[in-house]
Amino acid sequence: MEGLSGSCLQIPCSFTAKAGKEQFDSRKNIFGVWIKSDPQFANNVQNIVFSSGGLVNTYKMRITGNMTELNCTTLFSGLTTKQTGKYFFRIENEPFKATASCDPLQINIRDSPLSPRIDILGELKEKESVTISCSAFTLCPHSPPKLIWNLQQDSHNQIEENTDRTFTSKIQQTITLSDTHDGYNISCSATYPVDEGKHGKTAKTQRTLNVSYAPKETSASISPSDLVSTGTWVNLTCSSRANPPISSFTWFIKTTDGTMKSQTGEESVFEEPERKVEEDEEDKEEENIHYGEINFKQNREPSPDSVRDIQQQQDTVYAEVNKVNKSANNQTRTDDAPEEL
């Protein structure tokens, strides 16, 4: 077991008496004895550190269990690092006497407490609800650590008994995840009272959330952004963010004659209309698709009849984003609430 200097430690303990010549009798006086280092204490009585009979009380120990019910649970107080070692429990119930020589207890006393632990129950994905908990080993149930974290103020500390009869202090909260939680650092601290509550020793831990979310802030831009003439090349740039990162960008342009053209890439260049490209229905179902839209004007060549009579036509370019990787600074229109298809 792990103990903390200046604090206390509750040792869960139980025993069974084997049948033999001398029988355990719960109606008689029962004494519990703790021996350190070597169970053979006949020639080393200094190894006896505690006896419930009151003859020896070198260490601040007290048997809190009911030994008539075979419960020898012991409270060990005022711990120091010098008390680290191997301990043996002994029962004296005249004429029955027995020492648990084959079942020693190793106790390690630390100057600093163990760090608390953060656990997350649920899938780290946007719109999913997860339960986040912070827990710490509780040395003494009557003097538990105080848990504090940055998820919620004044969280209620709970104490739970484990299957091995030790105790754990815990705080927890259920939240619904969004893209804003991605990269969020959860920090939790556990403060243990020491020196009978006069002081405290604190340990901290933290965990960073890695939340998956669909593309956000999808936008597309055109360069040059001024009026262009027929036959002029233009660069179209698409940007978005998501987790996991974008795997590909696909561009679509619908021209004035109704034809559709597509290209794949973060940047794309269009000049002449081409035949309509059919979409792959299977891919369309499997991927999250979000769009940014660009409207730009195109100067037509002057007609022979009137050089100054310039007519303008308008084309629309769509950028399809499958998964997010990058952000671009040159944005002209943003889709803040993308739609999944």
Protein backbone atom coordinates (compact mmCIF):
# COMPACT_ATOMS: atom_id res chain seq x y z
CA MET A 1 0.00 0.00 0.00
CA GLU A 2 1.02 3.62 -0.55
CA GLY A 3 0.97 6.10 2.32
CA LEU A 4 1.67 9.84 2.59
CA SER A 5 3.94 11.31 5.25
CA GLY A 6 2.00 13.39 7.75
CA SER A 7 -1.26 11.69 6.80
CA CYS A 8 -3.00 8.49 7.86
CA LEU A 9 -3.58 5.13 6.20
CA GLN A 10 -6.47 2.76 6.66
CA ILE A 11 -5.32 -0.85 6.26
CA PRO A 12 -8.14 -3.25 5.30
CA CYS A 13 -7.58 -6.48 7.23
CA SER A 14 -9.40 -9.74 7.88
CA PHE A 15 -8.34 -13.17 9.09
CA THR A 16 -9.46 -16.77 9.33
CA ALA A 17 -8.37 -19.23 12.01
CA LYS A 18 -7.28 -22.65 10.78
CA ALA A 19 -8.47 -25.71 12.65
CA GLY A 20 -5.87 -27.19 14.97
CA LYS A 21 -5.12 -28.27 18.46
CA GLU A 22 -5.85 -24.80 19.79
CA GLN A 23 -9.07 -23.24 18.54
CA PHE A 24 -9.89 -19.56 18.04
CA ASP A 25 -12.62 -18.53 20.47
CA SER A 26 -14.32 -15.19 19.84
CA ARG A 27 -15.75 -15.25 23.38
CA LYS A 28 -12.28 -14.78 24.83
CA ASN A 29 -10.04 -11.71 24.76
CA ILE A 30 -8.58 -11.06 21.31
CA PHE A 31 -5.44 -9.00 20.78
CA GLY A 32 -4.04 -7.80 17.48
CA VAL A 33 -0.31 -7.29 17.02
CA TRP A 34 1.62 -5.62 14.16
CA ILE A 35 5.22 -6.74 13.59
CA LYS A 36 7.67 -4.99 11.27
CA SER A 37 10.39 -6.55 9.09
CA ASP A 38 10.64 -10.05 10.63
CA PRO A 39 7.75 -12.14 11.99
CA GLN A 40 10.18 -14.07 14.21
CA PHE A 41 10.21 -11.53 17.02
CA ALA A 42 11.26 -13.71 19.97
CA ASN A 43 14.80 -12.35 19.88
CA ASN A 44 13.83 -9.00 18.33
CA VAL A 45 10.97 -7.64 20.39
CA GLN A 46 11.67 -4.18 18.97
CA ASN A 47 10.05 -5.44 15.77
CA ILE A 48 6.70 -5.31 17.54
CA VAL A 49 5.40 -1.82 16.70
CA PHE A 50 1.83 -2.17 17.98
CA SER A 51 -0.30 -4.35 20.26
CA SER A 52 -3.97 -3.72 20.92
CA GLY A 53 -3.37 -4.95 24.48
CA GLY A 54 -1.57 -1.66 25.14
CA LEU A 55 1.80 -3.16 26.02
CA VAL A 56 3.46 -1.77 22.88
CA ASN A 57 2.44 1.29 20.91
CA THR A 58 5.60 2.44 19.11
CA TYR A 59 3.60 3.52 16.05
CA LYS A 60 0.30 5.39 16.12
CA MET A 61 -1.96 2.50 15.15
CA ARG A 62 -5.48 1.54 16.16
CA ILE A 63 -7.52 -1.53 15.23
CA THR A 64 -10.91 -0.22 14.11
CA GLY A 65 -12.34 -3.55 12.94
CA ASN A 66 -14.33 -5.91 15.15
CA MET A 67 -11.99 -8.84 15.74
CA THR A 68 -14.79 -11.03 17.08
CA GLU A 69 -16.06 -10.87 13.48
CA LEU A 70 -12.56 -11.64 12.14
CA ASN A 71 -12.10 -8.02 11.06
CA CYS A 72 -8.67 -6.59 11.90
CA THR A 73 -8.87 -3.34 9.87
CA THR A 74 -6.28 -0.92 11.27
CA LEU A 75 -5.83 2.86 11.15
CA PHE A 76 -2.19 3.95 10.88
CA SER A 77 -1.70 7.66 11.76
CA GLY A 78 1.15 10.19 11.78
CA LEU A 79 3.02 8.45 8.98
CA THR A 80 6.72 9.08 8.33
CA THR A 81 8.97 7.84 5.54
CA LYS A 82 10.98 5.84 8.13
CA GLN A 83 7.94 3.63 8.61
CA THR A 84 8.24 2.23 5.08
CA GLY A 85 8.65 -1.53 5.30
CA LYS A 86 7.10 -4.98 5.45
CA TYR A 87 4.47 -5.66 8.12
CA PHE A 88 2.98 -8.86 9.57
CA PHE A 89 -0.26 -9.21 11.53
CA ARG A 90 -0.57 -11.52 14.54
CA ILE A 91 -3.61 -12.72 16.54
CA GLU A 92 -3.37 -13.67 20.22
CA ASN A 93 -6.43 -15.39 21.67
CA GLU A 94 -5.16 -17.59 24.49
CA PRO A 95 -4.32 -20.34 24.00
CA PHE A 96 -4.68 -19.67 20.24
CA LYS A 97 -1.81 -17.64 18.69
CA ALA A 98 -0.98 -17.19 15.00
CA THR A 99 1.11 -14.89 12.79
CA ALA A 100 0.43 -14.31 9.08
CA SER A 101 4.05 -15.02 8.18
CA CYS A 102 3.21 -15.97 4.60
CA ASP A 103 1.04 -12.91 3.94
CA PRO A 104 3.08 -9.75 4.65
CA LEU A 105 1.91 -6.23 3.84
CA GLN A 106 4.35 -3.86 2.13
CA ILE A 107 3.74 -0.21 3.05
CA ASN A 108 5.59 2.56 1.20
CA ILE A 109 5.42 6.03 2.74
CA ARG A 110 5.91 8.90 0.26
CA ASP A 111 6.66 12.57 0.87
CA SER A 112 4.49 13.64 -2.08
CA PRO A 113 1.03 12.31 -2.99
CA LEU A 114 0.20 10.27 -6.07
CA SER A 115 -1.34 12.25 -8.93
CA PRO A 116 -5.09 11.96 -9.47
CA ARG A 117 -6.41 10.25 -12.61
CA ILE A 118 -8.70 11.62 -15.32
CA ASP A 119 -10.97 9.12 -17.11
CA ILE A 120 -13.36 9.71 -20.01
CA LEU A 121 -16.32 7.41 -20.69
CA GLY A 122 -17.69 7.78 -24.22
CA GLU A 123 -16.58 8.58 -27.77
CA LEU A 124 -14.67 11.84 -28.29
CA LYS A 125 -16.81 13.10 -31.17
CA GLU A 126 -18.82 16.29 -31.61
CA LYS A 127 -22.46 16.11 -30.48
CA GLU A 128 -21.66 13.05 -28.34
CA SER A 129 -22.17 13.09 -24.56
CA VAL A 130 -19.25 11.87 -22.45
CA THR A 131 -18.75 11.47 -18.71
CA ILE A 132 -15.44 12.85 -17.45
CA SER A 133 -14.20 11.95 -13.97
CA CYS A 134 -11.20 12.76 -11.80
CA SER A 135 -10.32 10.30 -9.05
CA ALA A 136 -7.66 9.95 -6.36
CA PHE A 137 -6.66 7.17 -3.99
CA THR A 138 -8.13 7.86 -0.55
CA LEU A 139 -5.73 6.93 2.23
CA CYS A 140 -8.27 7.47 5.01
CA PRO A 141 -12.02 7.63 4.31
CA HIS A 142 -12.51 9.98 7.29
CA SER A 143 -9.86 12.36 5.89
CA PRO A 144 -10.26 12.27 2.08
CA PRO A 145 -8.44 14.47 -0.44
CA LYS A 146 -10.17 17.55 -1.83
CA LEU A 147 -10.55 17.32 -5.61
CA ILE A 148 -10.76 20.48 -7.74
CA TRP A 149 -10.82 20.84 -11.54
CA ASN A 150 -11.46 23.43 -14.23
CA LEU A 151 -14.62 21.83 -15.62
CA GLN A 152 -16.92 22.91 -12.83
CA GLN A 153 -16.75 25.03 -9.69
CA ASP A 154 -17.58 23.45 -6.32
CA SER A 155 -17.86 19.92 -7.66
CA HIS A 156 -19.29 17.39 -5.21
CA ASN A 157 -16.64 14.94 -3.99
CA GLN A 158 -17.80 11.33 -3.75
CA ILE A 159 -16.08 8.49 -1.88
CA GLU A 160 -16.38 4.97 -3.28
CA GLU A 161 -15.24 1.70 -1.73
CA ASN A 162 -13.22 -0.55 -4.03
CA THR A 163 -13.42 -4.33 -4.24
CA ASP A 164 -10.20 -4.63 -2.20
CA ARG A 165 -11.83 -2.53 0.58
CA THR A 166 -9.69 0.53 -0.15
CA PHE A 167 -11.35 3.84 -1.04
CA THR A 168 -11.34 6.28 -3.95
CA SER A 169 -12.48 9.92 -4.03
CA LYS A 170 -14.08 11.09 -7.26
CA ILE A 171 -15.70 14.04 -9.01
CA GLN A 172 -17.40 13.74 -12.39
CA GLN A 173 -19.38 15.68 -14.98
CA THR A 174 -21.24 14.83 -18.20
CA ILE A 175 -20.81 17.21 -21.15
CA THR A 176 -21.88 17.30 -24.81
CA LEU A 177 -18.85 17.75 -27.04
CA SER A 178 -18.40 20.31 -29.81
CA ASP A 179 -15.49 21.39 -31.99
CA THR A 180 -14.59 24.01 -29.35
CA HIS A 181 -13.62 21.19 -26.95
CA ASP A 182 -10.90 19.92 -29.30
CA GLY A 183 -7.52 20.69 -27.75
CA TYR A 184 -9.08 21.66 -24.40
CA ASN A 185 -6.88 20.86 -21.37
CA ILE A 186 -8.68 19.36 -18.39
CA SER A 187 -6.71 19.89 -15.17
CA CYS A 188 -7.47 18.31 -11.80
CA SER A 189 -5.78 18.60 -8.41
CA ALA A 190 -6.04 16.52 -5.24
CA THR A 191 -5.12 18.07 -1.89
CA TYR A 192 -4.52 15.68 1.02
CA PRO A 193 -4.81 16.97 4.61
CA VAL A 194 -1.68 16.28 6.67
CA ASP A 195 -0.56 16.99 10.23
CA GLU A 196 -4.11 16.45 11.51
CA GLY A 197 -5.53 18.84 8.94
CA LYS A 198 -3.21 21.76 9.69
CA HIS A 199 -1.57 21.58 6.28
CA GLY A 200 -2.14 20.02 2.88
CA LYS A 201 -0.15 18.31 0.14
CA THR A 202 -1.31 18.68 -3.47
CA ALA A 203 -0.80 16.68 -6.65
CA LYS A 204 -2.07 17.67 -10.11
CA THR A 205 -2.74 16.05 -13.46
CA GLN A 206 -4.14 17.11 -16.82
CA ARG A 207 -5.48 15.60 -20.04
CA THR A 208 -6.00 17.14 -23.48
CA LEU A 209 -9.19 16.37 -25.40
CA ASN A 210 -8.91 15.20 -29.01
CA VAL A 211 -12.43 15.67 -30.39
CA SER A 212 -13.40 14.62 -33.92
CA TYR A 213 -15.64 17.08 -35.79
CA ALA A 214 -16.93 17.72 -39.31
CA PRO A 215 -15.56 20.56 -41.50
CA LYS A 216 -16.14 24.07 -40.15
CA GLU A 217 -15.66 27.61 -41.54
CA THR A 218 -15.44 26.38 -45.12
CA SER A 219 -14.68 29.26 -47.52
CA ALA A 220 -13.47 29.85 -51.05
CA SER A 221 -11.69 32.82 -52.68
CA ILE A 222 -10.72 33.92 -56.19
CA SER A 223 -7.56 35.60 -57.47
CA PRO A 224 -7.54 38.03 -59.16
CA SER A 225 -10.70 39.31 -57.53
CA ASP A 226 -11.27 42.09 -60.10
CA LEU A 227 -13.23 41.78 -63.33
CA VAL A 228 -11.66 39.36 -65.78
CA SER A 229 -12.02 38.87 -69.52
CA THR A 230 -13.01 35.72 -71.33
CA GLY A 231 -10.09 33.32 -71.59
CA THR A 232 -8.36 34.69 -68.48
CA TRP A 233 -7.01 32.15 -65.96
CA VAL A 234 -8.13 32.59 -62.34
CA ASN A 235 -6.96 30.83 -59.16
CA LEU A 236 -9.60 29.55 -56.75
CA THR A 237 -8.57 28.76 -53.15
CA CYS A 238 -10.60 26.75 -50.62
CA SER A 239 -9.98 26.55 -46.85
CA SER A 240 -11.64 24.78 -43.93
CA ARG A 241 -10.85 23.11 -40.60
CA ALA A 242 -11.81 19.73 -39.14
CA ASN A 243 -10.53 16.83 -37.09
CA PRO A 244 -9.23 14.52 -38.50
CA PRO A 245 -7.65 16.77 -41.17
CA ILE A 246 -9.07 17.20 -44.69
CA SER A 247 -8.17 14.43 -47.08
CA SER A 248 -9.19 16.24 -50.29
CA PHE A 249 -10.86 19.32 -51.79
CA THR A 250 -13.10 19.04 -54.86
CA TRP A 251 -14.13 22.01 -57.00
CA PHE A 252 -17.25 22.35 -59.15
CA ILE A 253 -18.04 25.14 -61.62
CA LYS A 254 -21.39 25.65 -63.29
CA THR A 255 -21.07 27.77 -66.42
CA THR A 256 -23.66 29.84 -68.24
CA ASP A 257 -24.36 27.07 -70.74
CA GLY A 258 -25.34 24.71 -67.90
CA THR A 259 -22.33 22.40 -68.03
CA MET A 260 -20.51 21.28 -64.86
CA LYS A 261 -16.77 20.93 -64.36
CA SER A 262 -14.82 19.56 -61.36
CA GLN A 263 -11.24 19.39 -60.11
CA THR A 264 -9.59 18.11 -56.94
CA GLY A 265 -7.08 20.11 -54.89
CA GLU A 266 -6.81 22.98 -52.44
CA GLU A 267 -6.25 25.36 -55.37
CA SER A 268 -7.82 25.03 -58.79
CA VAL A 269 -7.68 26.79 -62.17
CA PHE A 270 -10.57 26.98 -64.66
CA GLU A 271 -10.62 28.32 -68.22
CA GLU A 272 -12.98 26.54 -70.62
CA PRO A 273 -16.30 24.83 -69.82
CA GLU A 274 -16.27 21.06 -70.24
CA ARG A 275 -18.86 18.28 -70.20
CA LYS A 276 -20.90 17.69 -67.04
CA VAL A 277 -19.23 15.41 -64.48
CA GLU A 278 -21.46 12.88 -62.75
CA GLU A 279 -21.01 12.48 -58.99
CA ASP A 280 -20.17 9.12 -57.48
CA GLU A 281 -23.29 8.37 -55.39
CA GLU A 282 -21.46 5.94 -53.11
CA ASP A 283 -18.77 8.50 -52.20
CA LYS A 284 -21.46 11.11 -51.71
CA GLU A 285 -23.15 9.00 -49.05
CA GLU A 286 -19.98 8.12 -47.16
CA GLU A 287 -18.30 11.52 -46.86
CA ASN A 288 -19.21 14.76 -45.08
CA ILE A 289 -19.46 17.42 -47.81
CA HIS A 290 -19.45 21.17 -47.10
CA TYR A 291 -19.47 24.01 -49.59
CA GLY A 292 -18.03 27.47 -50.00
CA GLU A 293 -19.36 29.56 -52.91
CA ILE A 294 -17.80 32.24 -55.14
CA ASN A 295 -19.71 34.55 -57.48
CA PHE A 296 -17.51 36.43 -59.90
CA LYS A 297 -18.14 38.57 -62.98
CA GLN A 298 -16.53 37.95 -66.33
CA ASN A 299 -16.03 40.59 -69.03
CA ARG A 300 -17.17 39.47 -72.44
CA GLU A 301 -15.25 40.44 -75.54
CA PRO A 302 -16.54 43.74 -77.01
CA SER A 303 -19.00 43.21 -79.88
CA PRO A 304 -18.15 44.56 -83.29
CA ASP A 305 -21.18 46.83 -83.16
CA SER A 306 -20.26 48.69 -79.99
CA VAL A 307 -16.91 48.58 -78.20
CA ARG A 308 -18.27 50.37 -75.14
CA ASP A 309 -21.37 48.23 -74.86
CA ILE A 310 -19.94 45.66 -72.41
CA GLN A 311 -22.24 42.92 -71.18
CA GLN A 312 -21.46 40.91 -68.10
CA GLN A 313 -22.26 37.32 -67.29
CA GLN A 314 -21.94 35.58 -63.96
CA ASP A 315 -20.59 32.08 -63.09
CA THR A 316 -20.74 30.25 -59.74
CA VAL A 317 -17.94 28.09 -58.32
CA TYR A 318 -18.50 25.59 -55.52
CA ALA A 319 -15.78 24.10 -53.34
CA GLU A 320 -16.54 20.70 -51.82
CA VAL A 321 -14.65 19.74 -48.65
CA ASN A 322 -14.46 16.13 -47.53
CA LYS A 323 -12.21 16.34 -44.41
CA VAL A 324 -10.37 19.31 -42.89
CA ASN A 325 -6.61 20.00 -42.87
CA LYS A 326 -5.73 23.63 -43.44
CA SER A 327 -6.92 27.22 -43.06
CA ALA A 328 -6.33 29.99 -45.56
CA ASN A 329 -6.12 33.70 -44.83
CA ASN A 330 -7.58 34.80 -48.16
CA GLN A 331 -11.29 34.15 -47.55
CA THR A 332 -14.17 35.91 -49.23
CA ARG A 333 -17.20 33.96 -47.95
CA THR A 334 -17.49 31.55 -45.02
CA ASP A 335 -19.93 28.73 -44.35
CA ASP A 336 -20.16 28.79 -40.52
CA ALA A 337 -22.89 26.18 -40.27
CA PRO A 338 -21.89 23.47 -42.77
CA GLU A 339 -24.39 20.91 -43.83
CA GLU A 340 -23.64 17.20 -43.96
CA LEU A 341 -24.87 15.33 -47.01
